[in-house]
Each structure stands twice: as structure tokens, then as C-alpha cells.
Amino acid sequence: MIDELRNSFESKFEAELMAQCSQIEPGLMEMVRYHFGWHDEQVQRGKRLRPLILLLATSALGCPIDRGLNPAIALETFHNFTLVHDDIQDKGELRQGRLAMWKRFGMEQAINTGDFMAYLAFKIMNKPNQEISPELHLNLSRSFVSGGMDVMRGQHLDILFEKETHIELEEYLTMIKYKTARLFSIAFEIAGLLNGVSEEKINILRAIGTEIGIAFQIQDDYLGIWGDSHLTGKSTSTDIKTRKKTYPLILGQYTIPEIQECFTDTTPLDDLSVQKMTTALSDAEVDKKTLNLALSYKKNALSHFEKTFTKESEAKKGLRNILDKMIK
């Protein structure tokens, strides 16, 4: 079911964005097509977790799944706008195994195309829909705007933390709550709004997205040091070499001298230094502590999920499956 839904969404997603881009400028369409991997059937594409969650949650709560299509497209478009700008800000040269947009087309055009995608997301979110009342449309738009502003707040903190030699674990968790988890909480929140659930239930839906999103980022932090690069496509030395403020490195700096020095010394790190720090983190069981925290957040998310999604359906099973596999 999930594969079928993902394929169906991908087709509609591409058709909508290409239709929008073709009305503006062919060169812009080429850049958007490249970023999403629509220029080549053989290239890797995103997992589309956020729109799938939105669609499945909409259906699992009782609404026709298609009612969530435009919000799902808008959400994935906005998410990818943040990726385009994030690659520029982090100087990340690769995205999905190919050159990031700014490396392929130049920084100036990538910034502009990222901006275009942000505006396009809001345009799609506000497309007329006879099945949605003007009041609900306004509430959806307000939710989307509020969530988008929170993501920018999280990115601000992430950039700010890069220049700090010491940040607290709670500060880091606050940052990823906004930067990473907020888009997952928007997905659940919009599904609730589409179904007209109570404000109390909306709050619980947000909590599911927040908890699973934090777990997702902490797991990603773990994979950035101890993952299998052949499976993840992500180097296991980059986070340490760049002194990136990730959960295991922040946790390690409290008790491990090598990690403390890592954040105060600007000397470039070679592979041997990276290996020594990885070993020191493992000896202090920071890897286990990191995974255990991710699993704890996942457990909380699934607990909220089972109490909120009480009606059995294929959509609920599919959604439960996605949440379960997000954090292994």
C-alpha cells in the first residue's frame, strides 16, 4: 500500500510542480526537475515521508485521502525549499547522490529557485478546493505559515550553534524540535484540521509528529558516526571532521577530553583523529545512549499514536508501519 501511495503521489507531485514551473520560466523548471530527480528515471529520489504521513493520517482519521493531496504537495515542496537553502548554508555539495542544486547551477540561481519553491508551496496550499470551507482553508494556511516560521527558527539556531564552542543538550533538542520535527508535526496537524478534530486532539497529533521527528534526527546523528555509509550514502567522518553539533558529540563533550578539545581546537582533523574520537565515544557508550534516546522518543510517539488513531484501517496500518520503520 505504501509503495503504491508513494508512486501515485510522486506522479501527481511532479505533474503539479511541472505545470506551475512551465508557466514561469523553462530554466526554472529544469532546476526544479533536477533537484527532485525527475530529470532521470535512474537517479535516487526522496522518501516523501512527510506527505505520506499527511495523506495516511488524513485517511486514518476518516477523511478521503485525496483531500490531503494539495497540502501534502505543499508540504513536500516547502521541505525541499529548506533542503536547497540548507545545502548552500552548510556548503553541502551532494544531495541524493548527485550534485546539490547550488553546485550544479550556481549559488545565485539556487537561492532564487529555493525562494521560488517556498512561494510555490504557499500557492499550492491555498489552491481553491470546493470541498474545503473558507474557514478551514484559513486555518490550514495559518498552520502552514506558523510551522514554516518555526522551521526557520530552528535553522537560525542551527547556524548560531555552529559558532558556539559549547551548547546544552536541551538547547540542541529545542533546535531539532523546530528544524526537523516541526514538518512532521505539521503533517499530523493538517490531517487533524482536515478532519475537524478537537483542539485537544490537534495537540496530541502535533506531539506524535514532534516525538517521531526528534527520534528521526537523533537516529540520523547516530548514523553520521556509526552508520554504514554504503547503506546511508553518508560519510561517517564528516560530522566529526566538521565539528558538527550533533547529539552524540554534544553528549560526549561533557565527559570525554578528546571531544572537549574537538570543539575548542580549530586544527583540521585527519582520519586517524576521527577514528580515535569515534572509539572514545563508543567506549563511553555514547552510541548506545544516543540510540536509546531515539527509541524513547519513538516509544512516546507510538503511544500517542495508538491512543489517537483508534479505528482500524489500511491507512492506520500503513501509517503505523512508516512510523515504526523511520527509527530502527
Protein backbone atom coordinates (compact mmCIF):
# COMPACT_ATOMS: atom_id res chain seq x y z
CA MET A 1 0.00 0.00 0.00
CA ILE A 2 2.77 2.43 0.93
CA ASP A 3 4.66 1.83 -2.32
CA GLU A 4 1.51 2.34 -4.36
CA LEU A 5 0.67 5.53 -2.48
CA ARG A 6 4.22 6.83 -2.84
CA ASN A 7 4.21 6.17 -6.60
CA SER A 8 0.80 7.76 -7.01
CA PHE A 9 1.84 10.80 -5.00
CA GLU A 10 5.12 11.15 -6.91
CA SER A 11 3.26 11.22 -10.22
CA LYS A 12 0.78 13.86 -9.05
CA PHE A 13 3.51 15.81 -7.28
CA GLU A 14 5.65 16.02 -10.43
CA ALA A 15 2.67 16.94 -12.62
CA GLU A 16 1.63 19.78 -10.30
CA LEU A 17 5.08 21.31 -9.93
CA MET A 18 5.96 20.99 -13.60
CA ALA A 19 2.65 22.64 -14.54
CA GLN A 20 3.39 25.51 -12.16
CA CYS A 21 7.00 25.91 -13.31
CA SER A 22 6.19 25.81 -17.03
CA GLN A 23 4.10 28.96 -16.60
CA ILE A 24 7.11 30.87 -15.27
CA GLU A 25 10.39 30.03 -16.97
CA PRO A 26 11.78 26.87 -18.68
CA GLY A 27 15.16 27.23 -16.97
CA LEU A 28 13.47 27.29 -13.59
CA MET A 29 11.59 24.12 -14.47
CA GLU A 30 14.88 22.42 -15.36
CA MET A 31 16.37 23.23 -11.95
CA VAL A 32 13.31 22.03 -10.03
CA ARG A 33 13.15 18.86 -12.13
CA TYR A 34 16.83 18.21 -11.42
CA HIS A 35 16.51 18.73 -7.67
CA PHE A 36 13.63 16.26 -7.33
CA GLY A 37 15.28 13.69 -9.59
CA TRP A 38 12.62 13.91 -12.29
CA HIS A 39 15.22 14.51 -15.00
CA ASP A 40 16.39 10.89 -14.91
CA GLU A 41 14.43 7.73 -14.04
CA GLN A 42 17.58 6.08 -12.72
CA VAL A 43 18.52 8.63 -10.06
CA GLN A 44 17.68 8.44 -6.36
CA ARG A 45 14.69 10.41 -5.07
CA GLY A 46 13.44 11.38 -1.64
CA LYS A 47 11.38 9.03 0.52
CA ARG A 48 8.46 11.52 0.69
CA LEU A 49 7.89 10.63 4.36
CA ARG A 50 6.12 13.88 5.28
CA PRO A 51 3.47 13.86 2.53
CA LEU A 52 2.87 10.13 3.01
CA ILE A 53 2.29 10.71 6.72
CA LEU A 54 -0.10 13.57 5.97
CA LEU A 55 -2.10 11.53 3.44
CA LEU A 56 -2.29 8.39 5.56
CA ALA A 57 -3.17 10.32 8.72
CA THR A 58 -5.91 12.17 6.83
CA SER A 59 -7.41 8.87 5.70
CA ALA A 60 -6.90 7.09 9.05
CA LEU A 61 -8.85 9.85 10.80
CA GLY A 62 -11.76 9.41 8.40
CA CYS A 63 -11.41 11.89 5.52
CA PRO A 64 -10.99 10.90 1.86
CA ILE A 65 -7.26 10.64 1.24
CA ASP A 66 -7.35 12.95 -1.81
CA ARG A 67 -8.46 15.83 0.40
CA GLY A 68 -4.93 15.94 1.74
CA LEU A 69 -3.25 15.96 -1.69
CA ASN A 70 -2.66 19.70 -2.13
CA PRO A 71 -1.43 20.14 1.47
CA ALA A 72 0.86 17.12 1.00
CA ILE A 73 2.32 18.58 -2.20
CA ALA A 74 2.74 21.95 -0.49
CA LEU A 75 4.48 20.36 2.49
CA GLU A 76 6.95 18.40 0.38
CA THR A 77 7.65 21.45 -1.77
CA PHE A 78 8.38 23.54 1.33
CA HIS A 79 10.56 20.79 2.80
CA ASN A 80 12.66 20.74 -0.35
CA PHE A 81 12.99 24.52 -0.36
CA THR A 82 14.64 24.14 3.06
CA LEU A 83 16.97 21.46 1.66
CA VAL A 84 18.08 23.69 -1.21
CA HIS A 85 18.96 26.53 1.16
CA ASP A 86 20.39 24.17 3.79
CA ASP A 87 22.88 22.78 1.26
CA ILE A 88 24.02 26.32 0.47
CA GLN A 89 24.33 27.32 4.13
CA ASP A 90 26.15 24.08 5.08
CA LYS A 91 28.18 24.02 1.85
CA GLY A 92 26.87 20.51 1.25
CA GLU A 93 27.93 19.51 -2.24
CA LEU A 94 25.80 16.38 -2.69
CA ARG A 95 22.08 15.70 -2.38
CA GLN A 96 20.58 12.24 -3.07
CA GLY A 97 23.88 11.07 -4.54
CA ARG A 98 24.19 13.89 -7.11
CA LEU A 99 25.48 17.44 -7.08
CA ALA A 100 23.38 19.76 -4.94
CA MET A 101 21.49 22.40 -6.87
CA TRP A 102 23.93 25.18 -5.97
CA LYS A 103 26.90 23.12 -7.18
CA ARG A 104 25.12 22.23 -10.41
CA PHE A 105 23.58 25.60 -11.32
CA GLY A 106 25.41 28.15 -9.18
CA MET A 107 24.64 29.65 -5.78
CA GLU A 108 22.70 32.67 -7.02
CA GLN A 109 20.26 30.66 -9.10
CA ALA A 110 19.89 28.04 -6.36
CA ILE A 111 18.96 30.71 -3.80
CA ASN A 112 16.39 32.11 -6.22
CA THR A 113 14.95 28.71 -7.07
CA GLY A 114 14.72 27.83 -3.39
CA ASP A 115 12.77 31.05 -2.82
CA PHE A 116 10.52 30.17 -5.73
CA MET A 117 9.80 26.76 -4.22
CA ALA A 118 8.86 28.37 -0.89
CA TYR A 119 6.36 30.71 -2.54
CA LEU A 120 5.09 27.85 -4.70
CA ALA A 121 4.41 25.78 -1.57
CA PHE A 122 2.15 28.50 -0.15
CA LYS A 123 0.42 28.95 -3.51
CA ILE A 124 -0.41 25.24 -3.69
CA MET A 125 -1.57 25.18 -0.06
CA ASN A 126 -4.03 27.96 -0.86
CA LYS A 127 -5.38 26.50 -4.11
CA PRO A 128 -9.22 26.67 -4.20
CA ASN A 129 -10.99 23.48 -3.15
CA GLN A 130 -14.77 23.27 -3.12
CA GLU A 131 -14.66 20.50 -0.51
CA ILE A 132 -12.85 22.76 1.98
CA SER A 133 -14.67 25.69 3.60
CA PRO A 134 -13.11 29.19 3.55
CA GLU A 135 -12.70 28.99 7.34
CA LEU A 136 -10.85 25.68 7.15
CA HIS A 137 -8.70 27.00 4.31
CA LEU A 138 -7.70 29.92 6.51
CA ASN A 139 -6.86 27.60 9.41
CA LEU A 140 -4.76 25.38 7.14
CA SER A 141 -2.88 28.40 5.84
CA ARG A 142 -2.26 29.72 9.35
CA SER A 143 -0.97 26.33 10.46
CA PHE A 144 1.34 26.10 7.45
CA VAL A 145 2.72 29.61 7.97
CA SER A 146 3.28 29.04 11.69
CA GLY A 147 5.07 25.76 11.02
CA GLY A 148 7.24 27.29 8.32
CA MET A 149 8.31 30.10 10.63
CA ASP A 150 9.26 27.54 13.28
CA VAL A 151 11.46 25.70 10.77
CA MET A 152 13.27 28.98 10.03
CA ARG A 153 13.68 29.49 13.77
CA GLY A 154 15.29 26.05 14.03
CA GLN A 155 17.64 26.81 11.13
CA HIS A 156 18.61 30.08 12.81
CA LEU A 157 19.58 28.17 15.95
CA ASP A 158 21.46 25.54 13.96
CA ILE A 159 23.58 28.18 12.23
CA LEU A 160 24.06 30.04 15.52
CA PHE A 161 25.25 26.89 17.30
CA GLU A 162 27.97 26.35 14.68
CA LYS A 163 29.87 29.30 16.16
CA GLU A 164 29.40 28.25 19.78
CA THR A 165 32.04 26.07 21.48
CA HIS A 166 29.50 24.74 23.99
CA ILE A 167 25.75 24.26 23.87
CA GLU A 168 23.49 22.37 26.24
CA LEU A 169 21.69 19.18 25.24
CA GLU A 170 18.33 20.85 25.89
CA GLU A 171 19.28 23.67 23.52
CA TYR A 172 20.08 21.11 20.83
CA LEU A 173 16.80 19.27 21.38
CA THR A 174 14.92 22.56 21.09
CA MET A 175 16.68 23.28 17.79
CA ILE A 176 15.78 19.93 16.20
CA LYS A 177 12.24 20.20 17.55
CA TYR A 178 11.85 23.19 15.25
CA LYS A 179 14.16 22.44 12.35
CA THR A 180 13.47 18.74 11.81
CA ALA A 181 10.45 17.66 13.83
CA ARG A 182 8.19 20.60 13.00
CA LEU A 183 7.47 19.45 9.46
CA PHE A 184 6.36 16.06 10.81
CA SER A 185 4.11 17.76 13.36
CA ILE A 186 2.63 19.92 10.57
CA ALA A 187 1.76 16.75 8.64
CA PHE A 188 -0.23 15.36 11.57
CA GLU A 189 -1.73 18.75 12.44
CA ILE A 190 -3.05 19.35 8.91
CA ALA A 191 -4.57 15.86 8.85
CA GLY A 192 -6.39 16.72 12.06
CA LEU A 193 -7.62 20.05 10.70
CA LEU A 194 -8.92 18.40 7.54
CA ASN A 195 -10.91 16.01 9.72
CA GLY A 196 -12.26 18.73 12.01
CA VAL A 197 -10.95 17.16 15.21
CA SER A 198 -10.89 18.98 18.55
CA GLU A 199 -8.07 21.32 19.59
CA GLU A 200 -7.11 18.79 22.27
CA LYS A 201 -6.67 16.11 19.62
CA ILE A 202 -4.74 18.53 17.39
CA ASN A 203 -2.26 18.99 20.24
CA ILE A 204 -1.81 15.23 20.55
CA LEU A 205 -1.34 14.89 16.79
CA ARG A 206 1.34 17.57 16.89
CA ALA A 207 3.03 15.67 19.72
CA ILE A 208 3.17 12.48 17.63
CA GLY A 209 4.94 14.36 14.84
CA THR A 210 7.28 16.13 17.25
CA GLU A 211 8.32 12.95 19.06
CA ILE A 212 8.88 10.91 15.90
CA GLY A 213 10.70 13.83 14.26
CA ILE A 214 13.13 14.25 17.17
CA ALA A 215 13.73 10.49 17.18
CA PHE A 216 14.37 10.63 13.41
CA GLN A 217 17.03 13.36 13.78
CA ILE A 218 18.78 11.71 16.73
CA GLN A 219 18.96 8.45 14.77
CA ASP A 220 20.42 10.43 11.85
CA ASP A 221 23.03 11.85 14.24
CA TYR A 222 23.91 8.29 15.27
CA LEU A 223 24.23 7.19 11.63
CA GLY A 224 26.51 10.16 10.96
CA ILE A 225 29.14 8.49 13.16
CA TRP A 226 28.31 4.77 13.39
CA GLY A 227 26.19 4.14 10.30
CA ASP A 228 27.04 2.05 7.27
CA SER A 229 27.98 4.60 4.61
CA HIS A 230 27.17 2.11 1.85
CA LEU A 231 23.58 1.95 3.09
CA THR A 232 23.09 5.54 4.20
CA GLY A 233 25.09 7.28 1.47
CA LYS A 234 26.51 9.45 4.26
CA SER A 235 30.16 9.61 5.34
CA THR A 236 30.83 8.51 8.93
CA SER A 237 33.67 11.01 9.33
CA THR A 238 32.08 14.27 8.14
CA ASP A 239 30.20 15.15 11.35
CA ILE A 240 33.35 14.83 13.48
CA LYS A 241 35.67 16.45 10.93
CA THR A 242 33.37 19.47 10.59
CA ARG A 243 32.77 19.57 14.37
CA LYS A 244 29.05 19.48 13.72
CA LYS A 245 26.89 19.92 16.82
CA THR A 246 25.07 16.58 16.84
CA TYR A 247 23.58 14.79 19.82
CA PRO A 248 26.38 12.22 20.38
CA LEU A 249 29.11 14.84 20.06
CA ILE A 250 27.36 17.24 22.44
CA LEU A 251 26.80 14.38 24.88
CA GLY A 252 30.42 13.29 24.57
CA GLN A 253 31.89 16.70 25.28
CA TYR A 254 30.69 16.52 28.88
CA THR A 255 32.91 13.59 29.83
CA ILE A 256 35.40 12.83 27.05
CA PRO A 257 38.55 15.02 26.84
CA GLU A 258 39.07 14.30 23.12
CA ILE A 259 35.60 15.60 22.31
CA GLN A 260 36.03 18.65 24.54
CA GLU A 261 39.21 19.51 22.66
CA CYS A 262 37.47 18.93 19.33
CA PHE A 263 35.16 21.91 19.91
CA THR A 264 37.87 24.27 21.20
CA ASP A 265 40.69 23.44 18.76
CA THR A 266 40.41 24.63 15.14
CA THR A 267 43.15 22.33 13.83
CA PRO A 268 41.86 20.24 10.87
CA LEU A 269 41.15 16.66 11.85
CA ASP A 270 42.65 13.77 9.91
CA ASP A 271 41.16 10.28 9.57
CA LEU A 272 43.22 8.90 12.46
CA SER A 273 41.91 11.63 14.80
CA VAL A 274 38.36 10.91 13.69
CA GLN A 275 38.84 7.19 14.39
CA LYS A 276 40.24 7.90 17.87
CA MET A 277 37.26 10.10 18.73
CA THR A 278 34.81 7.55 17.38
CA THR A 279 36.43 4.90 19.55
CA ALA A 280 36.33 7.20 22.58
CA LEU A 281 32.62 7.83 22.03
CA SER A 282 31.94 4.12 21.70
CA ASP A 283 33.98 3.27 24.81
CA ALA A 284 31.84 5.75 26.76
CA GLU A 285 28.73 4.06 25.29
CA VAL A 286 27.57 7.29 23.69
CA ASP A 287 26.38 5.26 20.70
CA LYS A 288 24.04 3.20 22.92
CA LYS A 289 22.83 6.27 24.81
CA THR A 290 22.07 8.04 21.52
CA LEU A 291 20.09 5.12 20.12
CA ASN A 292 18.25 4.60 23.40
CA LEU A 293 17.11 8.22 23.39
CA ALA A 294 15.85 7.91 19.81
CA LEU A 295 13.94 4.76 20.75
CA SER A 296 12.49 6.51 23.80
CA TYR A 297 11.07 9.32 21.65
CA LYS A 298 9.77 6.74 19.19
CA LYS A 299 8.03 4.85 22.01
CA ASN A 300 6.32 8.05 23.16
CA ALA A 301 5.18 8.82 19.62
CA LEU A 302 3.71 5.35 19.12
CA SER A 303 1.98 5.51 22.50
CA HIS A 304 0.25 8.77 21.49
CA PHE A 305 -0.49 7.25 18.09
CA GLU A 306 -2.33 4.19 19.43
CA LYS A 307 -4.42 6.33 21.78
CA THR A 308 -5.37 8.75 19.00
CA PHE A 309 -5.86 6.50 15.95
CA THR A 310 -8.36 4.07 17.44
CA LYS A 311 -10.18 2.95 14.30
CA GLU A 312 -8.53 0.10 12.44
CA SER A 313 -7.95 0.66 8.71
CA GLU A 314 -5.40 0.06 5.98
CA ALA A 315 -4.37 3.71 6.30
CA LYS A 316 -3.69 3.28 10.01
CA LYS A 317 -1.64 0.13 9.37
CA GLY A 318 0.36 1.92 6.68
CA LEU A 319 0.98 4.93 8.87
CA ARG A 320 2.00 2.76 11.83
CA ASN A 321 4.39 0.91 9.54
CA ILE A 322 6.04 4.13 8.37
CA LEU A 323 6.48 5.44 11.92
CA ASP A 324 7.89 2.10 13.04
CA LYS A 325 10.44 1.88 10.21
CA MET A 326 11.57 5.50 10.49
CA ILE A 327 13.53 4.61 13.62
CA LYS A 328 15.07 1.12 13.53
